[in-house]
């Protein structure tokens, strides 16, 4: 599962060919013992995150929405995608 970004101890990854479970463009978030699937639109699809980290992830996703969709389109085709800038 390639890493898209890492900031404030939050790790964001995207899985290749991962369009069957949630049927929506999404990425996976890892923070401490928490794991979640989050739609590119910021919707929490599965799992859980602390509120503060979830809001940071939503802000990051809103800023990088176009890049996330580009990465998603490549990922569902099994094509490598690049990293996305972290929040600063």
C-alpha atoms as a PDB file:
ATOM      1  CA  UNK A   1       0.000   0.000   0.000  1.00  0.00           C
ATOM      2  CA  UNK A   2       1.924   3.079  -1.210  1.00  0.00           C
ATOM      3  CA  UNK A   3       2.139   6.113   1.029  1.00  0.00           C
ATOM      4  CA  UNK A   4       0.673   9.332  -0.333  1.00  0.00           C
ATOM      5  CA  UNK A   5       1.596  11.668   2.486  1.00  0.00           C
ATOM      6  CA  UNK A   6       2.693  11.952   6.109  1.00  0.00           C
ATOM      7  CA  UNK A   7       2.103  14.904   8.455  1.00  0.00           C
ATOM      8  CA  UNK A   8       1.602  15.396  12.211  1.00  0.00           C
ATOM      9  CA  UNK A   9       2.071  11.624  12.764  1.00  0.00           C
ATOM     10  CA  UNK A  10      -0.802  10.952  10.331  1.00  0.00           C
ATOM     11  CA  UNK A  11       0.021   8.551   7.500  1.00  0.00           C
ATOM     12  CA  UNK A  12      -2.120   8.553   4.364  1.00  0.00           C
ATOM     13  CA  UNK A  13      -1.992   5.651   1.920  1.00  0.00           C
ATOM     14  CA  UNK A  14      -3.851   4.517  -1.160  1.00  0.00           C
ATOM     15  CA  UNK A  15      -4.279   0.912  -2.251  1.00  0.00           C
ATOM     16  CA  UNK A  16      -4.022  -0.215  -5.862  1.00  0.00           C
ATOM     17  CA  UNK A  17      -7.247  -1.645  -7.348  1.00  0.00           C
ATOM     18  CA  UNK A  18      -9.216  -0.705  -4.191  1.00  0.00           C
ATOM     19  CA  UNK A  19     -12.520   0.334  -5.761  1.00  0.00           C
ATOM     20  CA  UNK A  20     -14.749  -2.587  -4.771  1.00  0.00           C
ATOM     21  CA  UNK A  21     -15.247  -2.256  -1.010  1.00  0.00           C
ATOM     22  CA  UNK A  22     -16.370   1.367  -0.625  1.00  0.00           C
ATOM     23  CA  UNK A  23     -17.342   2.076  -4.275  1.00  0.00           C
ATOM     24  CA  UNK A  24     -16.094   5.626  -3.783  1.00  0.00           C
ATOM     25  CA  UNK A  25     -12.696   7.260  -4.334  1.00  0.00           C
ATOM     26  CA  UNK A  26     -10.963   7.122  -0.961  1.00  0.00           C
ATOM     27  CA  UNK A  27      -7.693   6.780   0.914  1.00  0.00           C
ATOM     28  CA  UNK A  28      -6.616   5.103   4.126  1.00  0.00           C
ATOM     29  CA  UNK A  29      -5.493   7.020   7.209  1.00  0.00           C
ATOM     30  CA  UNK A  30      -3.350   5.727  10.062  1.00  0.00           C
ATOM     31  CA  UNK A  31      -2.766   7.618  13.287  1.00  0.00           C
ATOM     32  CA  UNK A  32      -1.411   5.864  16.397  1.00  0.00           C
ATOM     33  CA  UNK A  33      -3.782   2.937  16.982  1.00  0.00           C
ATOM     34  CA  UNK A  34      -6.497   4.432  14.751  1.00  0.00           C
ATOM     35  CA  UNK A  35      -7.278   3.441  11.167  1.00  0.00           C
ATOM     36  CA  UNK A  36      -9.905   4.851   8.842  1.00  0.00           C
ATOM     37  CA  UNK A  37     -11.004   4.959   5.226  1.00  0.00           C
ATOM     38  CA  UNK A  38     -11.851   8.498   4.141  1.00  0.00           C
ATOM     39  CA  UNK A  39     -13.493   9.562   0.895  1.00  0.00           C
ATOM     40  CA  UNK A  40     -11.658  12.127  -1.186  1.00  0.00           C
ATOM     41  CA  UNK A  41     -14.595  14.413  -0.352  1.00  0.00           C
ATOM     42  CA  UNK A  42     -13.703  14.047   3.357  1.00  0.00           C
ATOM     43  CA  UNK A  43     -16.459  11.605   4.333  1.00  0.00           C
ATOM     44  CA  UNK A  44     -15.485   9.010   6.941  1.00  0.00           C
ATOM     45  CA  UNK A  45     -16.303   5.682   5.253  1.00  0.00           C
ATOM     46  CA  UNK A  46     -14.985   3.205   7.817  1.00  0.00           C
ATOM     47  CA  UNK A  47     -12.955   3.106  11.003  1.00  0.00           C
ATOM     48  CA  UNK A  48     -12.336   6.038  13.289  1.00  0.00           C
ATOM     49  CA  UNK A  49      -9.930   8.889  14.011  1.00  0.00           C
ATOM     50  CA  UNK A  50      -9.701  11.424  16.822  1.00  0.00           C
ATOM     51  CA  UNK A  51     -11.658  14.576  15.905  1.00  0.00           C
ATOM     52  CA  UNK A  52      -8.578  16.811  15.657  1.00  0.00           C
ATOM     53  CA  UNK A  53      -6.765  14.458  13.277  1.00  0.00           C
ATOM     54  CA  UNK A  54      -9.920  13.860  11.230  1.00  0.00           C
ATOM     55  CA  UNK A  55     -10.301  17.620  10.722  1.00  0.00           C
ATOM     56  CA  UNK A  56      -6.650  17.879   9.669  1.00  0.00           C
ATOM     57  CA  UNK A  57      -7.184  15.057   7.151  1.00  0.00           C
ATOM     58  CA  UNK A  58     -10.335  16.730   5.809  1.00  0.00           C
ATOM     59  CA  UNK A  59      -8.468  20.038   5.373  1.00  0.00           C
ATOM     60  CA  UNK A  60      -5.562  18.287   3.633  1.00  0.00           C
ATOM     61  CA  UNK A  61      -7.965  16.426   1.319  1.00  0.00           C
ATOM     62  CA  UNK A  62      -9.816  19.639   0.424  1.00  0.00           C
ATOM     63  CA  UNK A  63      -6.537  21.371  -0.473  1.00  0.00           C
ATOM     64  CA  UNK A  64      -5.302  18.427  -2.562  1.00  0.00           C
ATOM     65  CA  UNK A  65      -8.594  17.192  -4.040  1.00  0.00           C
ATOM     66  CA  UNK A  66      -7.424  17.311  -7.670  1.00  0.00           C
ATOM     67  CA  UNK A  67      -4.181  15.483  -6.862  1.00  0.00           C
ATOM     68  CA  UNK A  68      -6.092  12.861  -4.871  1.00  0.00           C
ATOM     69  CA  UNK A  69      -8.427  12.156  -7.792  1.00  0.00           C
ATOM     70  CA  UNK A  70      -5.428  11.851 -10.115  1.00  0.00           C
ATOM     71  CA  UNK A  71      -3.782   9.400  -7.696  1.00  0.00           C
ATOM     72  CA  UNK A  72      -7.062   7.472  -7.357  1.00  0.00           C
ATOM     73  CA  UNK A  73      -7.464   7.150 -11.114  1.00  0.00           C
ATOM     74  CA  UNK A  74      -3.938   5.788 -11.397  1.00  0.00           C
ATOM     75  CA  UNK A  75      -4.360   3.468  -8.378  1.00  0.00           C
ATOM     76  CA  UNK A  76      -7.511   1.773  -9.702  1.00  0.00           C
ATOM     77  CA  UNK A  77      -5.613   1.048 -12.917  1.00  0.00           C
ATOM     78  CA  UNK A  78      -2.657  -0.329 -10.941  1.00  0.00           C
ATOM     79  CA  UNK A  79      -0.400   2.506 -12.123  1.00  0.00           C
ATOM     80  CA  UNK A  80       2.119   4.032  -9.667  1.00  0.00           C
ATOM     81  CA  UNK A  81       1.325   7.503  -8.378  1.00  0.00           C
ATOM     82  CA  UNK A  82       3.458  10.106  -6.639  1.00  0.00           C
ATOM     83  CA  UNK A  83       3.397  11.613  -3.180  1.00  0.00           C
ATOM     84  CA  UNK A  84       1.293  14.637  -2.260  1.00  0.00           C
ATOM     85  CA  UNK A  85       2.554  17.571  -0.192  1.00  0.00           C
ATOM     86  CA  UNK A  86       1.799  17.486   3.553  1.00  0.00           C
ATOM     87  CA  UNK A  87       0.051  20.155   5.614  1.00  0.00           C
ATOM     88  CA  UNK A  88       2.479  22.660   7.057  1.00  0.00           C
END
